[in-house]
């Protein structure tokens, strides 16, 4: 598989795992009622916090497209930087549920594969 296609496909896998980890967290008993209070896990939900989460969640979504369209050098660095930021978000922003740990491991493995592929991506011949 061409490197751009592999990177994009791995970002799709990451994105689907992020979505399903969140969905399963929402159906955990008591989770929705805690969210409805505005302070899930003792964290005050604000417009600013939701914007930060939206920006962080947009990274894998954007990388699905950008991995296929960016030029070589920018593509490599965008994938590596996006992986570092997203791995930090997955590890630092997760919940303490077994299903989340499972999804987080899959996400991190995929992103390590993305970063490794981008790092080892040979310079294209002009």
N, C-alpha and C. Protein backbone atom coordinates (compact mmCIF):
# COMPACT_ATOMS: atom_id res chain seq x y z
N UNK A 1 0.85 -1.18 0.00
CA UNK A 1 0.00 0.00 0.00
C UNK A 1 0.89 1.24 0.00
N UNK A 2 0.52 2.22 -0.77
CA UNK A 2 1.24 3.48 -0.82
C UNK A 2 1.23 4.12 0.56
N UNK A 3 2.32 4.81 0.90
CA UNK A 3 2.47 5.38 2.25
C UNK A 3 1.34 6.35 2.60
N UNK A 4 0.94 7.20 1.66
CA UNK A 4 -0.14 8.15 1.96
C UNK A 4 -1.44 7.42 2.29
N UNK A 5 -1.73 6.37 1.57
CA UNK A 5 -2.93 5.58 1.83
C UNK A 5 -2.85 4.88 3.17
N UNK A 6 -1.67 4.36 3.52
CA UNK A 6 -1.49 3.69 4.80
C UNK A 6 -1.69 4.67 5.95
N UNK A 7 -1.09 5.85 5.84
CA UNK A 7 -1.23 6.86 6.89
C UNK A 7 -2.69 7.25 7.06
N UNK A 8 -3.35 7.53 5.96
CA UNK A 8 -4.75 7.93 6.01
C UNK A 8 -5.62 6.83 6.61
N UNK A 9 -5.38 5.60 6.22
CA UNK A 9 -6.16 4.48 6.74
C UNK A 9 -5.94 4.31 8.24
N UNK A 10 -4.72 4.44 8.69
CA UNK A 10 -4.45 4.35 10.13
C UNK A 10 -5.13 5.48 10.90
N UNK A 11 -5.20 6.67 10.30
CA UNK A 11 -5.91 7.77 10.96
C UNK A 11 -7.40 7.48 11.05
N UNK A 12 -7.94 6.80 10.04
CA UNK A 12 -9.36 6.39 10.10
C UNK A 12 -9.58 5.43 11.27
N UNK A 13 -8.65 4.48 11.42
CA UNK A 13 -8.76 3.52 12.54
C UNK A 13 -8.69 4.27 13.87
N UNK A 14 -7.76 5.21 13.98
CA UNK A 14 -7.65 6.01 15.21
C UNK A 14 -8.96 6.74 15.48
N UNK A 15 -9.49 7.41 14.45
CA UNK A 15 -10.71 8.19 14.62
C UNK A 15 -11.89 7.32 15.06
N UNK A 16 -12.05 6.16 14.44
CA UNK A 16 -13.15 5.27 14.82
C UNK A 16 -12.99 4.79 16.26
N UNK A 17 -11.77 4.50 16.66
CA UNK A 17 -11.54 4.07 18.04
C UNK A 17 -11.84 5.19 19.02
N UNK A 18 -11.49 6.43 18.69
CA UNK A 18 -11.80 7.57 19.55
C UNK A 18 -13.31 7.69 19.71
N UNK A 19 -14.02 7.62 18.60
CA UNK A 19 -15.49 7.77 18.63
C UNK A 19 -16.13 6.67 19.47
N UNK A 20 -15.74 5.42 19.24
CA UNK A 20 -16.37 4.32 19.97
C UNK A 20 -15.97 4.28 21.43
N UNK A 21 -14.76 4.72 21.76
CA UNK A 21 -14.39 4.83 23.18
C UNK A 21 -15.30 5.82 23.88
N UNK A 22 -15.57 6.95 23.21
CA UNK A 22 -16.46 7.94 23.81
C UNK A 22 -17.90 7.43 23.91
N UNK A 23 -18.37 6.76 22.88
CA UNK A 23 -19.74 6.23 22.91
C UNK A 23 -19.91 5.24 24.06
N UNK A 24 -18.97 4.33 24.20
CA UNK A 24 -19.09 3.36 25.30
C UNK A 24 -18.97 4.03 26.66
N UNK A 25 -18.17 5.07 26.75
CA UNK A 25 -18.07 5.81 28.01
C UNK A 25 -19.41 6.47 28.34
N UNK A 26 -20.09 7.01 27.33
CA UNK A 26 -21.39 7.65 27.56
C UNK A 26 -22.44 6.67 28.06
N UNK A 27 -22.35 5.40 27.68
CA UNK A 27 -23.37 4.44 28.12
C UNK A 27 -22.97 3.70 29.39
N UNK A 28 -21.85 4.09 29.98
CA UNK A 28 -21.46 3.55 31.28
C UNK A 28 -22.46 4.05 32.31
N UNK A 29 -22.99 3.17 33.16
CA UNK A 29 -23.99 3.60 34.15
C UNK A 29 -23.53 4.82 34.96
N UNK A 30 -24.38 5.84 34.95
CA UNK A 30 -24.11 7.06 35.71
C UNK A 30 -23.34 8.13 34.94
N UNK A 31 -22.78 7.78 33.81
CA UNK A 31 -21.94 8.74 33.08
C UNK A 31 -22.75 9.92 32.56
N UNK A 32 -23.89 9.66 31.96
CA UNK A 32 -24.68 10.75 31.40
C UNK A 32 -25.22 11.67 32.49
N UNK A 33 -25.65 11.11 33.61
CA UNK A 33 -26.15 11.97 34.69
C UNK A 33 -25.03 12.84 35.23
N UNK A 34 -23.82 12.31 35.28
CA UNK A 34 -22.68 13.10 35.74
C UNK A 34 -22.35 14.20 34.73
N UNK A 35 -22.45 13.88 33.45
CA UNK A 35 -22.21 14.88 32.41
C UNK A 35 -23.25 15.99 32.49
N UNK A 36 -24.49 15.61 32.77
CA UNK A 36 -25.58 16.58 32.84
C UNK A 36 -25.40 17.58 33.99
N UNK A 37 -24.64 17.22 35.01
CA UNK A 37 -24.38 18.15 36.11
C UNK A 37 -23.42 19.25 35.69
N UNK A 38 -22.68 19.01 34.61
CA UNK A 38 -21.71 20.00 34.14
C UNK A 38 -20.34 19.84 34.75
N UNK A 39 -20.17 18.82 35.60
CA UNK A 39 -18.86 18.59 36.22
C UNK A 39 -18.52 17.10 36.22
N UNK A 40 -18.40 16.48 35.05
CA UNK A 40 -18.03 15.06 35.05
C UNK A 40 -16.61 14.88 35.57
N UNK A 41 -16.46 13.93 36.48
CA UNK A 41 -15.13 13.66 37.04
C UNK A 41 -14.56 14.84 37.80
N UNK A 42 -15.44 15.77 38.23
CA UNK A 42 -14.99 16.93 38.98
C UNK A 42 -14.42 18.04 38.11
N UNK A 43 -14.53 17.91 36.80
CA UNK A 43 -14.03 18.93 35.87
C UNK A 43 -15.19 19.78 35.39
N UNK A 44 -15.08 21.08 35.55
CA UNK A 44 -16.14 22.00 35.12
C UNK A 44 -16.13 22.10 33.59
N UNK A 45 -17.24 21.73 32.96
CA UNK A 45 -17.37 21.82 31.51
C UNK A 45 -17.71 23.27 31.15
N UNK A 46 -16.88 23.84 30.29
CA UNK A 46 -17.11 25.22 29.84
C UNK A 46 -17.01 25.25 28.32
N UNK A 47 -17.39 26.37 27.75
CA UNK A 47 -17.27 26.54 26.30
C UNK A 47 -15.81 26.44 25.87
N UNK A 48 -14.92 26.99 26.67
CA UNK A 48 -13.49 26.93 26.36
C UNK A 48 -12.95 25.51 26.36
N UNK A 49 -13.36 24.75 27.37
CA UNK A 49 -12.92 23.35 27.47
C UNK A 49 -13.45 22.55 26.29
N UNK A 50 -14.71 22.76 25.94
CA UNK A 50 -15.29 22.05 24.80
C UNK A 50 -14.59 22.43 23.50
N UNK A 51 -14.18 23.70 23.37
CA UNK A 51 -13.44 24.12 22.19
C UNK A 51 -12.08 23.43 22.12
N UNK A 52 -11.39 23.33 23.24
CA UNK A 52 -10.10 22.64 23.28
C UNK A 52 -10.28 21.19 22.86
N UNK A 53 -11.31 20.52 23.41
CA UNK A 53 -11.57 19.13 23.02
C UNK A 53 -11.91 19.02 21.55
N UNK A 54 -12.68 19.97 21.03
CA UNK A 54 -13.04 19.95 19.61
C UNK A 54 -11.80 20.07 18.73
N UNK A 55 -10.89 20.97 19.10
CA UNK A 55 -9.66 21.15 18.32
C UNK A 55 -8.82 19.87 18.38
N UNK A 56 -8.69 19.30 19.57
CA UNK A 56 -7.89 18.07 19.70
C UNK A 56 -8.51 16.90 18.95
N UNK A 57 -9.84 16.82 18.94
CA UNK A 57 -10.51 15.74 18.21
C UNK A 57 -10.48 15.98 16.70
N UNK A 58 -10.32 17.22 16.29
CA UNK A 58 -10.25 17.53 14.86
C UNK A 58 -8.94 17.07 14.24
N UNK A 59 -7.91 16.91 15.04
CA UNK A 59 -6.60 16.53 14.51
C UNK A 59 -6.67 15.21 13.75
N UNK A 60 -7.16 14.11 14.36
CA UNK A 60 -7.23 12.86 13.57
C UNK A 60 -8.16 12.97 12.36
N UNK A 61 -9.25 13.74 12.51
CA UNK A 61 -10.17 13.90 11.39
C UNK A 61 -9.46 14.58 10.23
N UNK A 62 -8.76 15.67 10.52
CA UNK A 62 -8.05 16.40 9.47
C UNK A 62 -6.93 15.56 8.86
N UNK A 63 -6.27 14.76 9.68
CA UNK A 63 -5.13 13.98 9.18
C UNK A 63 -5.56 12.89 8.20
N UNK A 64 -6.81 12.45 8.27
CA UNK A 64 -7.31 11.48 7.29
C UNK A 64 -7.17 12.07 5.89
N UNK A 65 -7.56 13.33 5.74
CA UNK A 65 -7.47 14.02 4.45
C UNK A 65 -6.05 14.51 4.17
N UNK A 66 -5.44 15.16 5.15
CA UNK A 66 -4.13 15.77 4.92
C UNK A 66 -3.05 14.74 4.60
N UNK A 67 -3.15 13.55 5.16
CA UNK A 67 -2.16 12.50 4.87
C UNK A 67 -2.14 12.14 3.38
N UNK A 68 -3.25 12.30 2.73
CA UNK A 68 -3.35 11.99 1.30
C UNK A 68 -2.97 13.16 0.40
N UNK A 69 -3.02 14.39 0.93
CA UNK A 69 -2.89 15.55 0.05
C UNK A 69 -1.65 16.40 0.27
N UNK A 70 -1.09 16.39 1.46
CA UNK A 70 0.08 17.24 1.71
C UNK A 70 1.31 16.73 0.95
N UNK A 71 2.20 17.64 0.66
CA UNK A 71 3.46 17.27 0.01
C UNK A 71 4.37 16.57 1.03
N UNK A 72 5.34 15.84 0.52
CA UNK A 72 6.19 14.93 1.28
C UNK A 72 6.68 15.49 2.63
N UNK A 73 7.47 16.55 2.63
CA UNK A 73 8.09 17.02 3.87
C UNK A 73 7.05 17.49 4.88
N UNK A 74 6.10 18.29 4.44
CA UNK A 74 5.05 18.77 5.34
C UNK A 74 4.22 17.60 5.85
N UNK A 75 3.95 16.64 4.98
CA UNK A 75 3.15 15.47 5.33
C UNK A 75 3.83 14.67 6.44
N UNK A 76 5.13 14.42 6.27
CA UNK A 76 5.88 13.67 7.29
C UNK A 76 5.77 14.34 8.64
N UNK A 77 6.10 15.64 8.69
CA UNK A 77 6.12 16.34 9.97
C UNK A 77 4.72 16.53 10.54
N UNK A 78 3.74 16.77 9.69
CA UNK A 78 2.36 16.91 10.17
C UNK A 78 1.90 15.62 10.85
N UNK A 79 2.21 14.47 10.25
CA UNK A 79 1.83 13.19 10.84
C UNK A 79 2.54 12.94 12.16
N UNK A 80 3.81 13.23 12.22
CA UNK A 80 4.57 13.01 13.45
C UNK A 80 4.06 13.92 14.57
N UNK A 81 3.88 15.20 14.27
CA UNK A 81 3.41 16.15 15.28
C UNK A 81 1.98 15.82 15.71
N UNK A 82 1.13 15.48 14.75
CA UNK A 82 -0.26 15.12 15.08
C UNK A 82 -0.29 13.89 15.99
N UNK A 83 0.59 12.94 15.75
CA UNK A 83 0.65 11.75 16.61
C UNK A 83 1.07 12.10 18.03
N UNK A 84 2.09 12.92 18.17
CA UNK A 84 2.55 13.31 19.50
C UNK A 84 1.44 14.00 20.28
N UNK A 85 0.79 14.97 19.65
CA UNK A 85 -0.28 15.72 20.31
C UNK A 85 -1.45 14.80 20.65
N UNK A 86 -1.85 13.95 19.70
CA UNK A 86 -3.01 13.09 19.92
C UNK A 86 -2.73 12.00 20.94
N UNK A 87 -1.53 11.45 20.95
CA UNK A 87 -1.17 10.46 21.97
C UNK A 87 -1.24 11.10 23.36
N UNK A 88 -0.73 12.32 23.49
CA UNK A 88 -0.80 13.02 24.79
C UNK A 88 -2.25 13.21 25.21
N UNK A 89 -3.12 13.56 24.26
CA UNK A 89 -4.54 13.75 24.55
C UNK A 89 -5.20 12.43 24.97
N UNK A 90 -4.89 11.36 24.26
CA UNK A 90 -5.48 10.04 24.57
C UNK A 90 -5.05 9.58 25.96
N UNK A 91 -3.78 9.73 26.26
CA UNK A 91 -3.27 9.27 27.56
C UNK A 91 -3.72 10.19 28.68
N UNK A 92 -3.65 11.49 28.46
CA UNK A 92 -3.97 12.44 29.51
C UNK A 92 -5.44 12.72 29.70
N UNK A 93 -6.25 12.51 28.67
CA UNK A 93 -7.65 12.89 28.76
C UNK A 93 -8.62 11.74 28.85
N UNK A 94 -8.12 10.58 29.16
CA UNK A 94 -8.98 9.40 29.15
C UNK A 94 -9.72 9.15 30.44
N UNK A 95 -10.55 8.14 30.39
CA UNK A 95 -11.30 7.74 31.57
C UNK A 95 -10.73 6.43 32.12
N UNK A 96 -11.06 6.12 33.35
CA UNK A 96 -10.50 4.94 34.02
C UNK A 96 -11.43 3.74 33.87
N UNK A 97 -11.78 3.42 32.64
CA UNK A 97 -12.61 2.26 32.35
C UNK A 97 -11.82 1.29 31.49
N UNK A 98 -12.06 -0.01 31.68
CA UNK A 98 -11.32 -1.02 30.92
C UNK A 98 -11.50 -0.85 29.42
N UNK A 99 -12.72 -0.54 28.98
CA UNK A 99 -12.93 -0.37 27.54
C UNK A 99 -12.11 0.81 27.01
N UNK A 100 -11.97 1.87 27.80
CA UNK A 100 -11.18 3.02 27.36
C UNK A 100 -9.71 2.63 27.25
N UNK A 101 -9.21 1.89 28.22
CA UNK A 101 -7.81 1.44 28.15
C UNK A 101 -7.57 0.62 26.89
N UNK A 102 -8.51 -0.27 26.58
CA UNK A 102 -8.37 -1.09 25.37
C UNK A 102 -8.30 -0.21 24.12
N UNK A 103 -9.28 0.71 23.98
CA UNK A 103 -9.28 1.59 22.81
C UNK A 103 -8.03 2.46 22.78
N UNK A 104 -7.61 2.95 23.94
CA UNK A 104 -6.42 3.81 24.00
C UNK A 104 -5.18 3.06 23.53
N UNK A 105 -5.05 1.80 23.91
CA UNK A 105 -3.91 1.00 23.47
C UNK A 105 -3.92 0.85 21.95
N UNK A 106 -5.09 0.55 21.39
CA UNK A 106 -5.20 0.43 19.93
C UNK A 106 -4.86 1.75 19.25
N UNK A 107 -5.38 2.85 19.78
CA UNK A 107 -5.11 4.17 19.20
C UNK A 107 -3.61 4.49 19.25
N UNK A 108 -2.98 4.26 20.40
CA UNK A 108 -1.56 4.58 20.54
C UNK A 108 -0.72 3.70 19.61
N UNK A 109 -1.05 2.41 19.52
CA UNK A 109 -0.30 1.53 18.61
C UNK A 109 -0.43 2.02 17.17
N UNK A 110 -1.63 2.39 16.76
CA UNK A 110 -1.82 2.91 15.41
C UNK A 110 -1.03 4.19 15.19
N UNK A 111 -1.05 5.08 16.18
CA UNK A 111 -0.32 6.35 16.02
C UNK A 111 1.19 6.15 16.05
N UNK A 112 1.65 5.18 16.82
CA UNK A 112 3.09 4.86 16.76
C UNK A 112 3.45 4.32 15.38
N UNK A 113 2.54 3.52 14.79
CA UNK A 113 2.74 3.05 13.42
C UNK A 113 2.75 4.20 12.42
N UNK A 114 1.88 5.17 12.63
CA UNK A 114 1.85 6.35 11.76
C UNK A 114 3.16 7.12 11.88
N UNK A 115 3.56 7.41 13.11
CA UNK A 115 4.78 8.19 13.33
C UNK A 115 6.00 7.46 12.77
N UNK A 116 6.06 6.15 12.98
CA UNK A 116 7.20 5.35 12.46
C UNK A 116 7.21 5.37 10.93
N UNK A 117 6.04 5.17 10.33
CA UNK A 117 5.96 5.18 8.86
C UNK A 117 6.35 6.55 8.31
N UNK A 118 5.89 7.60 8.95
CA UNK A 118 6.23 8.95 8.49
C UNK A 118 7.72 9.22 8.66
N UNK A 119 8.28 8.77 9.79
CA UNK A 119 9.71 8.98 10.05
C UNK A 119 10.57 8.23 9.04
N UNK A 120 10.19 7.00 8.72
CA UNK A 120 10.97 6.15 7.81
C UNK A 120 10.62 6.36 6.33
N UNK A 121 9.67 7.22 6.05
CA UNK A 121 9.21 7.47 4.69
C UNK A 121 10.39 7.94 3.83
N UNK A 122 10.76 7.16 2.83
CA UNK A 122 11.90 7.56 1.99
C UNK A 122 11.60 8.79 1.15
N UNK A 123 12.60 9.59 0.92
CA UNK A 123 12.45 10.77 0.09
C UNK A 123 12.08 10.35 -1.32
N UNK A 124 10.98 10.90 -1.85
CA UNK A 124 10.58 10.51 -3.20
C UNK A 124 11.59 11.01 -4.24
N UNK A 125 11.75 10.23 -5.27
CA UNK A 125 12.65 10.60 -6.37
C UNK A 125 11.89 11.56 -7.28
N UNK A 126 12.53 12.70 -7.59
CA UNK A 126 11.86 13.72 -8.41
C UNK A 126 11.72 13.28 -9.85
